[in-house]
Amino acid sequence: MSTITGKVVAVTGASSGIGEATARLMARRGAAVVIGARREDRLEELARDIRAEGGRAVACAVDVTRREDLERLVHRAVTAFGGLDVLVGNAGISKIGPVADLDVDGWSAMLDVNVRGVLHGIAAAMPVFRRQGRGHFVTTVSTAGLKISPTMAVYAATKNAVRTVMEGLRQESTDGVLRTTSVSPGYVSTDLPDSIDDPDLRRSIRRNMAEFAIRPEAVARAIAFAVEQPDDVEIGDITIRPTVQD
């Protein structure tokens, strides 16, 4: 039996891409999943699909920039399934472009979603994890933060800010209650290019995705690997990317 069986897993950004693949895989491996995102119609469809396959799933409309939405997501997990074992903070946006473009609104949006969204999740789930005596924060960061590229400086900065928070939280939590995992995907076939405003950059990213991106299910399996470890084992960082990505 998978050690994921019986866990309660909440996933943000679950209406497509990595979040959707993670929710489906967790449910297939026996977890109860609470799926959150802004697109309620897609969330409800995903929840129905999971339940039709014999899994357990509930949907919760979530905008991670709103602290109260993350609190509602965690509350939904506790009321529906009796607790929360894992929070997968996967929601993210990419407003990439040269810093000289001075896309201040885009920078602010990335800070709100990519950084504050993760912090809101930590604030909502931490009391539950502490009360239970166990809990696991899994956060999707990016290889963009490992190899800084032109046009991705601010996006990479938001991802590296989260990486720093996860490592700091790990060092503050050596009492065995919390586990933290940062997952850094490379090119993955997702809807992320939809949030890129520059049409040339959007086309370039989509072209690269079409040529060599891996499927979201590959990242979901990496997340499952971290989650299924025994409680005394922590997988702190995972990098997963196409073999041909430079």
Protein backbone atom coordinates (compact mmCIF):
# COMPACT_ATOMS: atom_id res chain seq x y z
CA MET A 1 0.00 0.00 0.00
CA SER A 2 1.29 3.47 -0.89
CA THR A 3 2.25 5.65 2.07
CA ILE A 4 0.20 8.35 0.36
CA THR A 5 -2.94 6.33 1.08
CA GLY A 6 -5.04 8.07 3.70
CA LYS A 7 -3.26 11.42 3.52
CA VAL A 8 -5.16 14.63 2.96
CA VAL A 9 -3.51 16.75 0.28
CA ALA A 10 -4.49 20.28 -0.74
CA VAL A 11 -3.25 21.64 -4.07
CA THR A 12 -3.36 25.23 -5.31
CA GLY A 13 -3.26 26.05 -9.01
CA ALA A 14 -5.07 22.75 -9.47
CA SER A 15 -7.27 23.57 -12.46
CA SER A 16 -4.61 22.64 -15.04
CA GLY A 17 -1.01 21.65 -15.61
CA ILE A 18 1.16 20.47 -12.72
CA GLY A 19 -1.55 21.13 -10.13
CA GLU A 20 -4.14 19.06 -11.97
CA ALA A 21 -1.69 16.22 -12.61
CA THR A 22 -0.65 16.22 -8.96
CA ALA A 23 -4.24 16.10 -7.72
CA ARG A 24 -5.08 13.21 -10.04
CA LEU A 25 -1.99 11.21 -9.07
CA MET A 26 -2.47 11.77 -5.34
CA ALA A 27 -6.07 10.64 -5.57
CA ARG A 28 -5.11 7.54 -7.53
CA ARG A 29 -2.58 6.69 -4.84
CA GLY A 30 -5.20 6.90 -2.12
CA ALA A 31 -5.10 10.47 -0.86
CA ALA A 32 -8.12 12.67 -0.29
CA VAL A 33 -7.54 15.83 -2.30
CA VAL A 34 -8.76 19.37 -1.84
CA ILE A 35 -8.22 21.27 -5.08
CA GLY A 36 -8.04 25.03 -5.26
CA ALA A 37 -7.81 27.51 -8.13
CA ARG A 38 -9.65 30.49 -9.58
CA ARG A 39 -11.33 28.63 -12.45
CA GLU A 40 -14.25 27.05 -10.62
CA ASP A 41 -15.72 25.27 -13.64
CA ARG A 42 -12.49 23.41 -14.31
CA LEU A 43 -12.07 22.62 -10.63
CA GLU A 44 -15.53 21.10 -10.38
CA GLU A 45 -14.93 19.06 -13.53
CA LEU A 46 -11.66 17.73 -12.10
CA ALA A 47 -13.31 16.85 -8.79
CA ARG A 48 -16.04 14.96 -10.63
CA ASP A 49 -13.45 13.07 -12.68
CA ILE A 50 -11.54 12.04 -9.57
CA ARG A 51 -14.69 10.89 -7.79
CA ALA A 52 -15.81 8.98 -10.89
CA GLU A 53 -12.54 7.03 -10.70
CA GLY A 54 -13.27 6.13 -7.09
CA GLY A 55 -11.16 8.85 -5.50
CA ARG A 56 -12.02 11.45 -2.90
CA ALA A 57 -11.98 15.10 -3.92
CA VAL A 58 -13.58 18.40 -3.08
CA ALA A 59 -13.14 21.71 -4.91
CA CYS A 60 -12.63 25.13 -3.38
CA ALA A 61 -12.39 28.40 -5.32
CA VAL A 62 -9.08 29.99 -4.35
CA ASP A 63 -7.25 33.16 -5.30
CA VAL A 64 -3.91 32.76 -3.52
CA THR A 65 -3.44 36.53 -3.32
CA ARG A 66 -6.27 36.52 -0.76
CA ARG A 67 -5.24 35.17 2.62
CA GLU A 68 -8.82 34.31 3.52
CA ASP A 69 -9.07 32.05 0.47
CA LEU A 70 -6.16 29.90 1.69
CA GLU A 71 -7.73 29.80 5.14
CA ARG A 72 -10.93 28.57 3.53
CA LEU A 73 -9.02 25.90 1.58
CA VAL A 74 -7.41 24.56 4.75
CA HIS A 75 -10.70 24.72 6.62
CA ARG A 76 -12.36 22.76 3.81
CA ALA A 77 -9.74 20.04 4.15
CA VAL A 78 -10.24 19.79 7.89
CA THR A 79 -14.03 19.76 7.75
CA ALA A 80 -14.28 17.39 4.76
CA PHE A 81 -11.52 14.93 5.64
CA GLY A 82 -10.54 15.56 9.26
CA GLY A 83 -7.17 17.21 8.78
CA LEU A 84 -4.46 18.23 6.33
CA ASP A 85 -1.19 16.40 5.75
CA VAL A 86 0.26 18.16 2.71
CA LEU A 87 -0.18 21.59 1.14
CA VAL A 88 1.13 21.75 -2.43
CA GLY A 89 1.64 25.44 -3.23
CA ASN A 90 1.61 25.29 -6.99
CA ALA A 91 -0.21 28.45 -8.15
CA GLY A 92 2.06 30.76 -10.13
CA ILE A 93 2.22 33.27 -12.95
CA SER A 94 4.99 34.39 -15.28
CA LYS A 95 5.13 38.02 -16.41
CA ILE A 96 8.51 37.78 -18.09
CA GLY A 97 10.33 40.46 -20.04
CA PRO A 98 13.46 42.64 -19.78
CA VAL A 99 13.71 44.59 -16.53
CA ALA A 100 14.14 47.72 -18.67
CA ASP A 101 10.53 47.30 -19.84
CA LEU A 102 9.55 48.47 -16.34
CA ASP A 103 6.49 46.24 -16.14
CA VAL A 104 5.80 47.30 -12.56
CA ASP A 105 2.27 45.93 -12.64
CA GLY A 106 3.57 42.56 -13.84
CA TRP A 107 6.23 42.52 -11.12
CA SER A 108 3.59 43.24 -8.50
CA ALA A 109 1.32 40.51 -9.83
CA MET A 110 4.15 37.95 -9.62
CA LEU A 111 5.00 39.02 -6.09
CA ASP A 112 1.35 38.69 -5.10
CA VAL A 113 0.84 35.23 -6.60
CA ASN A 114 4.29 33.60 -6.52
CA VAL A 115 5.49 34.89 -3.14
CA ARG A 116 2.57 36.15 -1.07
CA GLY A 117 0.44 33.24 -2.27
CA VAL A 118 2.92 30.78 -0.77
CA LEU A 119 3.17 32.77 2.46
CA HIS A 120 -0.61 32.84 2.73
CA GLY A 121 -0.62 29.06 2.42
CA ILE A 122 1.99 28.72 5.15
CA ALA A 123 0.01 31.02 7.45
CA ALA A 124 -3.19 29.05 6.86
CA ALA A 125 -1.77 25.54 7.21
CA MET A 126 0.87 26.00 9.92
CA PRO A 127 -1.56 26.04 12.88
CA VAL A 128 -3.16 22.80 11.65
CA PHE A 129 0.22 21.14 11.10
CA ARG A 130 1.42 22.17 14.55
CA ARG A 131 -1.79 20.99 16.20
CA GLN A 132 -1.55 17.61 14.46
CA GLY A 133 2.16 17.23 15.10
CA ARG A 134 2.90 16.71 11.41
CA GLY A 135 2.64 18.48 8.07
CA HIS A 136 4.37 18.91 4.75
CA PHE A 137 4.77 22.04 2.61
CA VAL A 138 5.55 21.27 -1.04
CA THR A 139 6.14 24.29 -3.26
CA THR A 140 6.65 24.57 -7.00
CA VAL A 141 9.55 26.88 -7.76
CA SER A 142 11.50 26.80 -11.05
CA THR A 143 14.78 26.08 -12.79
CA ALA A 144 14.53 29.74 -13.83
CA GLY A 145 15.88 30.47 -10.36
CA LEU A 146 18.84 28.13 -10.82
CA LYS A 147 20.02 29.49 -14.16
CA ILE A 148 19.14 33.17 -14.53
CA SER A 149 18.20 34.10 -18.09
CA PRO A 150 17.48 37.44 -19.74
CA THR A 151 13.79 38.42 -19.55
CA MET A 152 13.28 36.16 -16.49
CA ALA A 153 15.08 38.14 -13.78
CA VAL A 154 12.06 39.20 -11.74
CA TYR A 155 10.22 35.91 -12.25
CA ALA A 156 13.33 34.06 -11.09
CA ALA A 157 13.62 36.40 -8.12
CA THR A 158 10.11 35.52 -6.96
CA LYS A 159 10.88 31.80 -7.23
CA ASN A 160 14.18 32.18 -5.38
CA ALA A 161 12.44 34.14 -2.65
CA VAL A 162 10.18 31.15 -2.09
CA ARG A 163 13.15 28.78 -2.19
CA THR A 164 14.73 30.85 0.59
CA VAL A 165 11.56 30.80 2.66
CA MET A 166 11.34 27.01 2.36
CA GLU A 167 14.95 26.54 3.45
CA GLY A 168 14.52 28.95 6.35
CA LEU A 169 11.35 27.18 7.43
CA ARG A 170 13.18 23.85 7.25
CA GLN A 171 15.90 25.12 9.57
CA GLU A 172 13.32 26.49 11.98
CA SER A 173 11.46 23.16 12.05
CA THR A 174 13.94 20.51 13.09
CA ASP A 175 11.60 19.25 15.81
CA GLY A 176 10.23 16.71 13.35
CA VAL A 177 6.81 18.30 12.87
CA LEU A 178 7.21 20.00 9.50
CA ARG A 179 8.71 18.84 6.24
CA THR A 180 9.45 21.19 3.33
CA THR A 181 10.11 20.40 -0.31
CA SER A 182 10.94 22.77 -3.14
CA VAL A 183 10.33 21.32 -6.62
CA SER A 184 12.07 23.09 -9.51
CA PRO A 185 10.58 22.13 -12.88
CA GLY A 186 12.18 23.10 -16.15
CA TYR A 187 10.15 23.26 -19.35
CA VAL A 188 6.80 21.58 -18.71
CA SER A 189 3.75 21.57 -20.97
CA THR A 190 1.43 23.88 -19.02
CA ASP A 191 -0.69 27.00 -19.46
CA LEU A 192 1.99 29.23 -17.90
CA PRO A 193 2.77 31.04 -21.20
CA ASP A 194 -0.80 32.37 -21.15
CA SER A 195 0.28 34.84 -18.45
CA ILE A 196 3.12 36.26 -20.60
CA ASP A 197 2.05 39.54 -22.17
CA ASP A 198 4.86 39.97 -24.71
CA PRO A 199 3.69 38.11 -27.85
CA ASP A 200 7.22 37.33 -29.09
CA LEU A 201 8.29 35.90 -25.76
CA ARG A 202 5.04 33.98 -25.47
CA ARG A 203 5.59 32.42 -28.90
CA SER A 204 9.19 31.56 -28.01
CA ILE A 205 8.22 29.83 -24.78
CA ARG A 206 5.42 27.93 -26.50
CA ARG A 207 7.80 26.86 -29.27
CA ASN A 208 10.26 25.48 -26.73
CA MET A 209 7.46 23.69 -24.94
CA ALA A 210 6.27 22.11 -28.15
CA GLU A 211 9.79 20.94 -29.02
CA PHE A 212 11.01 19.39 -25.79
CA ALA A 213 8.85 20.07 -22.72
CA ILE A 214 8.04 17.19 -20.38
CA ARG A 215 4.52 16.34 -19.30
CA PRO A 216 3.06 17.69 -16.02
CA GLU A 217 2.67 14.09 -14.85
CA ALA A 218 6.48 13.85 -14.55
CA VAL A 219 6.49 16.66 -12.00
CA ALA A 220 3.52 15.11 -10.22
CA ARG A 221 5.51 11.89 -9.79
CA ALA A 222 8.40 13.87 -8.30
CA ILE A 223 6.02 15.51 -5.83
CA ALA A 224 4.57 12.12 -4.95
CA PHE A 225 8.09 10.80 -4.33
CA ALA A 226 8.67 13.50 -1.72
CA VAL A 227 5.26 13.04 -0.11
CA GLU A 228 5.46 9.25 0.16
CA GLN A 229 8.67 9.25 2.21
CA PRO A 230 8.43 8.19 5.87
CA ASP A 231 7.77 11.01 8.32
CA ASP A 232 11.42 11.06 9.42
CA VAL A 233 12.68 11.57 5.85
CA GLU A 234 12.61 14.95 4.13
CA ILE A 235 13.31 15.53 0.44
CA GLY A 236 14.30 19.18 0.53
CA ASP A 237 14.89 19.97 -3.14
CA ILE A 238 14.01 18.28 -6.43
CA THR A 239 15.04 19.54 -9.86
CA ILE A 240 13.19 17.97 -12.78
CA ARG A 241 13.60 19.05 -16.40
CA PRO A 242 13.88 17.72 -19.95
CA THR A 243 17.14 15.91 -20.61
CA VAL A 244 17.83 18.27 -23.53
CA GLN A 245 17.24 21.49 -21.59
CA ASP A 246 20.46 23.48 -21.21
